[in-house]
């Protein structure tokens, strides 16, 4: 009877070769010549390798699954590293974006950036947790980058929020817009603005100002540079985190960003 170690060796070899062949097939650009991992072998050796791969896939199809999962993990790691490099290259343009109010602690040791849309249900759900985590921590700076991608009402709400900045009511108005359930007609936006003590006629006028246009363009540019196409999306330290985060996950990312500075 063959030992378990001897049984594993062909499977490991086949898995490695399968991964190489699969990688060459999937990663080759359209029209590119993918290198054949068996080119360095003699014809007889190449036939033996292919036979081993066929036999292994027939007797143990999980080899292919393992190879695909390993490749996906490798690609995800590379994507994370590229995102971290992009975050570092953007520097203060991202972590201290011009004209965007700093919420939480403006002098915080960790900066959280959220790309958000007022019509995004996930954004609404995560904001309460995010706000509670930031308030409890006391040392986190938060920048909201208005990233309206869900229609005309999203754009109107984002413009209104940015137009509230000169009146000094961005934070309260942002929270009111996030708490609102329903659409964002002009009448509803202005009613919410009045409830927060804003000058509604001035807000309406400023919604189409050049300053608001510039801030929106800035958010779109940063999102495009980072490859962000959905909301919510977070940048915490060197990490780009797409999707909604739970309070524990937010705390862990903040703690990791803090550890990386020490």
Protein backbone atom coordinates (compact mmCIF):
# COMPACT_ATOMS: atom_id res chain seq x y z
CA UNK A 1 0.00 0.00 0.00
CA UNK A 2 1.35 3.44 -0.97
CA UNK A 3 1.92 5.95 1.80
CA UNK A 4 -0.31 9.07 2.10
CA UNK A 5 2.74 11.23 1.30
CA UNK A 6 3.32 9.39 -1.99
CA UNK A 7 -0.37 9.73 -2.85
CA UNK A 8 -0.29 13.47 -2.21
CA UNK A 9 2.73 14.23 -4.41
CA UNK A 10 1.04 13.60 -7.78
CA UNK A 11 -1.97 15.61 -6.65
CA UNK A 12 0.21 18.53 -5.56
CA UNK A 13 2.16 18.41 -8.81
CA UNK A 14 -1.02 18.22 -10.84
CA UNK A 15 -2.56 21.08 -8.89
CA UNK A 16 0.47 23.25 -9.49
CA UNK A 17 0.55 22.46 -13.19
CA UNK A 18 -3.21 22.91 -13.49
CA UNK A 19 -2.88 26.31 -11.84
CA UNK A 20 -0.11 27.27 -14.23
CA UNK A 21 -2.09 26.18 -17.27
CA UNK A 22 -5.27 27.83 -15.99
CA UNK A 23 -3.43 31.03 -15.17
CA UNK A 24 -1.88 31.18 -18.61
CA UNK A 25 -5.30 30.73 -20.17
CA UNK A 26 -7.17 33.26 -18.03
CA UNK A 27 -4.55 35.96 -17.64
CA UNK A 28 -3.43 36.15 -21.24
CA UNK A 29 -4.59 39.39 -22.86
CA UNK A 30 -6.81 39.14 -25.95
CA UNK A 31 -4.60 38.35 -28.92
CA UNK A 32 -1.55 37.72 -26.73
CA UNK A 33 0.55 34.57 -27.00
CA UNK A 34 0.29 32.70 -23.71
CA UNK A 35 3.37 30.73 -22.76
CA UNK A 36 2.84 26.96 -22.60
CA UNK A 37 4.19 25.63 -19.25
CA UNK A 38 5.14 22.38 -21.02
CA UNK A 39 7.35 24.05 -23.67
CA UNK A 40 10.57 23.24 -21.75
CA UNK A 41 9.67 19.52 -21.67
CA UNK A 42 10.30 16.86 -24.27
CA UNK A 43 7.19 15.73 -26.20
CA UNK A 44 7.04 12.54 -24.13
CA UNK A 45 7.33 14.47 -20.86
CA UNK A 46 4.68 16.97 -21.98
CA UNK A 47 2.30 14.12 -22.84
CA UNK A 48 2.93 12.57 -19.41
CA UNK A 49 2.19 15.86 -17.66
CA UNK A 50 -1.04 16.34 -19.58
CA UNK A 51 -2.06 12.76 -18.84
CA UNK A 52 -1.37 13.32 -15.13
CA UNK A 53 -3.47 16.47 -15.13
CA UNK A 54 -6.36 14.73 -16.92
CA UNK A 55 -6.21 11.78 -14.54
CA UNK A 56 -6.08 14.02 -11.48
CA UNK A 57 -8.99 16.18 -12.63
CA UNK A 58 -11.02 13.07 -13.37
CA UNK A 59 -10.33 11.39 -10.03
CA UNK A 60 -10.26 14.57 -7.92
CA UNK A 61 -12.07 17.54 -9.54
CA UNK A 62 -11.44 19.66 -6.44
CA UNK A 63 -7.91 20.24 -7.78
CA UNK A 64 -9.34 22.65 -10.35
CA UNK A 65 -11.48 24.37 -7.71
CA UNK A 66 -8.40 24.77 -5.48
CA UNK A 67 -6.42 26.25 -8.38
CA UNK A 68 -9.18 28.74 -9.22
CA UNK A 69 -9.53 29.79 -5.58
CA UNK A 70 -5.78 30.24 -5.23
CA UNK A 71 -5.69 32.36 -8.37
CA UNK A 72 -8.62 34.48 -7.16
CA UNK A 73 -6.95 35.02 -3.79
CA UNK A 74 -3.75 36.07 -5.56
CA UNK A 75 -5.65 38.51 -7.79
CA UNK A 76 -7.50 39.98 -4.80
CA UNK A 77 -4.21 40.49 -2.97
CA UNK A 78 -2.72 42.23 -5.99
CA UNK A 79 -5.82 44.42 -6.29
CA UNK A 80 -5.57 45.41 -2.62
CA UNK A 81 -1.90 46.29 -3.05
CA UNK A 82 -2.67 48.42 -6.11
CA UNK A 83 -5.45 50.23 -4.21
CA UNK A 84 -3.14 50.90 -1.26
CA UNK A 85 -0.49 52.32 -3.60
CA UNK A 86 -3.09 54.57 -5.23
CA UNK A 87 -4.31 55.80 -1.83
CA UNK A 88 -0.76 56.68 -0.83
CA UNK A 89 -0.11 58.43 -4.14
CA UNK A 90 -3.21 60.61 -3.76
CA UNK A 91 -2.06 61.83 -0.35
CA UNK A 92 -3.85 64.93 1.05
CA UNK A 93 -6.00 65.24 -2.09
CA UNK A 94 -7.87 62.23 -0.66
CA UNK A 95 -7.25 62.38 3.08
CA UNK A 96 -7.81 66.15 3.36
CA UNK A 97 -9.88 66.99 0.26
CA UNK A 98 -10.13 70.75 -0.38
CA UNK A 99 -13.46 72.26 0.61
CA UNK A 100 -14.84 69.11 2.26
CA UNK A 101 -15.73 69.56 5.96
CA UNK A 102 -14.00 67.36 8.52
CA UNK A 103 -16.54 65.66 10.77
CA UNK A 104 -15.79 63.86 14.01
CA UNK A 105 -12.43 65.05 15.34
CA UNK A 106 -10.74 67.37 12.79
CA UNK A 107 -7.40 66.61 14.48
CA UNK A 108 -7.99 62.86 14.67
CA UNK A 109 -5.13 60.42 14.23
CA UNK A 110 -7.11 58.26 11.77
CA UNK A 111 -9.00 59.52 8.73
CA UNK A 112 -12.06 57.77 7.33
CA UNK A 113 -13.33 58.74 3.88
CA UNK A 114 -16.78 57.60 2.77
CA UNK A 115 -18.13 57.79 -0.77
CA UNK A 116 -21.87 58.07 -0.31
CA UNK A 117 -25.22 58.57 -2.08
CA UNK A 118 -28.37 59.76 -0.26
CA UNK A 119 -30.57 57.33 -2.19
CA UNK A 120 -28.35 54.37 -1.25
CA UNK A 121 -30.10 52.20 1.33
CA UNK A 122 -26.83 50.62 2.44
CA UNK A 123 -25.33 54.08 2.95
CA UNK A 124 -28.24 55.06 5.17
CA UNK A 125 -27.96 51.89 7.23
CA UNK A 126 -24.20 52.10 7.69
CA UNK A 127 -24.12 55.81 8.50
CA UNK A 128 -25.68 55.45 11.95
CA UNK A 129 -23.14 52.78 12.91
CA UNK A 130 -20.32 54.85 11.42
CA UNK A 131 -21.37 57.94 13.33
CA UNK A 132 -21.69 56.07 16.63
CA UNK A 133 -18.25 54.47 16.18
CA UNK A 134 -16.63 57.82 15.40
CA UNK A 135 -18.29 59.58 18.32
CA UNK A 136 -17.32 56.80 20.73
CA UNK A 137 -13.72 56.70 19.48
CA UNK A 138 -13.18 60.44 19.69
CA UNK A 139 -9.98 60.42 17.59
CA UNK A 140 -11.29 59.81 14.08
CA UNK A 141 -11.66 62.40 11.34
CA UNK A 142 -14.43 61.73 8.81
CA UNK A 143 -14.75 63.15 5.31
CA UNK A 144 -17.93 62.46 3.34
CA UNK A 145 -17.34 62.57 -0.40
CA UNK A 146 -20.69 63.14 -2.07
CA UNK A 147 -20.85 60.56 -4.86
CA UNK A 148 -24.37 60.68 -6.35
CA UNK A 149 -24.74 57.81 -8.82
CA UNK A 150 -28.35 56.71 -8.33
CA UNK A 151 -30.24 59.25 -10.40
CA UNK A 152 -31.22 62.89 -10.61
CA UNK A 153 -32.61 63.08 -7.07
CA UNK A 154 -29.31 61.76 -5.71
CA UNK A 155 -27.52 64.58 -7.54
CA UNK A 156 -29.98 67.18 -6.19
CA UNK A 157 -29.55 65.94 -2.61
CA UNK A 158 -25.75 65.92 -2.94
CA UNK A 159 -25.76 69.45 -4.38
CA UNK A 160 -27.95 70.62 -1.50
CA UNK A 161 -25.63 69.05 1.08
CA UNK A 162 -22.60 70.73 -0.47
CA UNK A 163 -24.47 74.03 -0.72
CA UNK A 164 -25.01 73.86 3.05
CA UNK A 165 -21.25 74.12 3.69
CA UNK A 166 -21.03 77.95 3.44
CA UNK A 167 -23.90 78.23 5.93
CA UNK A 168 -22.06 76.03 8.44
CA UNK A 169 -24.77 73.35 8.57
CA UNK A 170 -23.25 70.54 6.53
CA UNK A 171 -23.07 67.99 9.37
CA UNK A 172 -26.64 68.39 10.61
CA UNK A 173 -28.05 68.56 7.08
CA UNK A 174 -26.10 65.47 6.00
CA UNK A 175 -27.49 63.56 8.95
CA UNK A 176 -31.03 64.76 8.17
CA UNK A 177 -30.72 63.70 4.53
CA UNK A 178 -29.40 60.30 5.59
CA UNK A 179 -32.25 59.83 8.07
CA UNK A 180 -34.92 60.78 5.53
CA UNK A 181 -37.01 57.94 4.12
CA UNK A 182 -38.37 58.61 0.66
CA UNK A 183 -37.49 60.63 -2.39
CA UNK A 184 -35.69 63.94 -2.69
CA UNK A 185 -37.89 66.35 -4.58
CA UNK A 186 -36.83 69.99 -4.48
CA UNK A 187 -39.66 70.79 -2.05
CA UNK A 188 -38.61 67.98 0.30
CA UNK A 189 -34.93 69.00 0.19
CA UNK A 190 -35.76 72.62 1.00
CA UNK A 191 -38.16 71.57 3.77
CA UNK A 192 -35.43 69.45 5.38
CA UNK A 193 -33.03 72.38 4.99
CA UNK A 194 -35.37 74.75 6.81
CA UNK A 195 -35.74 72.21 9.63
CA UNK A 196 -31.96 72.37 10.09
CA UNK A 197 -31.94 76.17 10.26
CA UNK A 198 -30.68 76.74 6.72
CA UNK A 199 -31.59 79.70 4.54
CA UNK A 200 -33.57 77.76 1.91
CA UNK A 201 -33.53 80.40 -0.89
CA UNK A 202 -29.77 80.82 -0.51
CA UNK A 203 -29.30 77.04 -0.47
CA UNK A 204 -31.32 76.66 -3.68
CA UNK A 205 -29.20 79.32 -5.38
CA UNK A 206 -25.91 77.83 -4.17
CA UNK A 207 -26.82 74.32 -5.35
CA UNK A 208 -25.75 75.30 -8.87
CA UNK A 209 -22.71 77.33 -7.81
CA UNK A 210 -19.24 76.79 -9.24
CA UNK A 211 -18.03 75.77 -5.77
CA UNK A 212 -20.54 72.91 -5.66
CA UNK A 213 -19.66 71.88 -9.22
CA UNK A 214 -15.98 71.74 -8.21
CA UNK A 215 -16.65 69.61 -5.13
CA UNK A 216 -18.75 67.13 -7.09
CA UNK A 217 -16.11 66.91 -9.82
CA UNK A 218 -13.50 66.28 -7.14
CA UNK A 219 -15.49 63.36 -5.70
CA UNK A 220 -16.07 61.79 -9.12
CA UNK A 221 -12.39 62.14 -9.99
CA UNK A 222 -11.23 60.51 -6.75
CA UNK A 223 -13.75 57.68 -7.16
CA UNK A 224 -12.60 57.05 -10.72
CA UNK A 225 -8.94 57.10 -9.68
CA UNK A 226 -9.63 54.52 -6.97
CA UNK A 227 -11.84 52.39 -9.21
CA UNK A 228 -14.94 52.98 -7.08
CA UNK A 229 -18.23 52.45 -8.90
CA UNK A 230 -20.70 51.83 -6.06
CA UNK A 231 -21.72 53.13 -2.67
CA UNK A 232 -20.91 53.03 0.12
CA UNK A 233 -17.15 52.73 -0.23
CA UNK A 234 -14.60 53.56 2.43
CA UNK A 235 -10.96 54.48 2.58
CA UNK A 236 -9.52 53.79 6.03
CA UNK A 237 -5.78 54.12 6.34
CA UNK A 238 -4.31 52.38 3.29
CA UNK A 239 -7.37 50.18 2.81
CA UNK A 240 -10.07 50.60 0.19
CA UNK A 241 -13.19 48.90 1.52
CA UNK A 242 -16.19 48.64 -0.82
CA UNK A 243 -19.64 47.98 0.60
CA UNK A 244 -21.37 48.45 3.93
CA UNK A 245 -19.38 47.76 7.09
CA UNK A 246 -20.63 46.62 10.48
CA UNK A 247 -19.63 48.55 13.59
CA UNK A 248 -17.12 45.83 14.65
CA UNK A 249 -15.55 45.84 11.19
CA UNK A 250 -15.26 49.64 11.23
CA UNK A 251 -13.59 49.49 14.63
CA UNK A 252 -11.11 46.88 13.41
CA UNK A 253 -10.16 48.85 10.29
CA UNK A 254 -9.69 51.98 12.42
CA UNK A 255 -7.58 50.05 14.93
CA UNK A 256 -5.46 48.59 12.13
CA UNK A 257 -4.92 52.05 10.62
CA UNK A 258 -3.84 53.27 14.03
CA UNK A 259 -1.47 50.32 14.52
CA UNK A 260 0.14 50.91 11.15
CA UNK A 261 1.15 54.40 12.29
CA UNK A 262 2.87 53.25 15.47
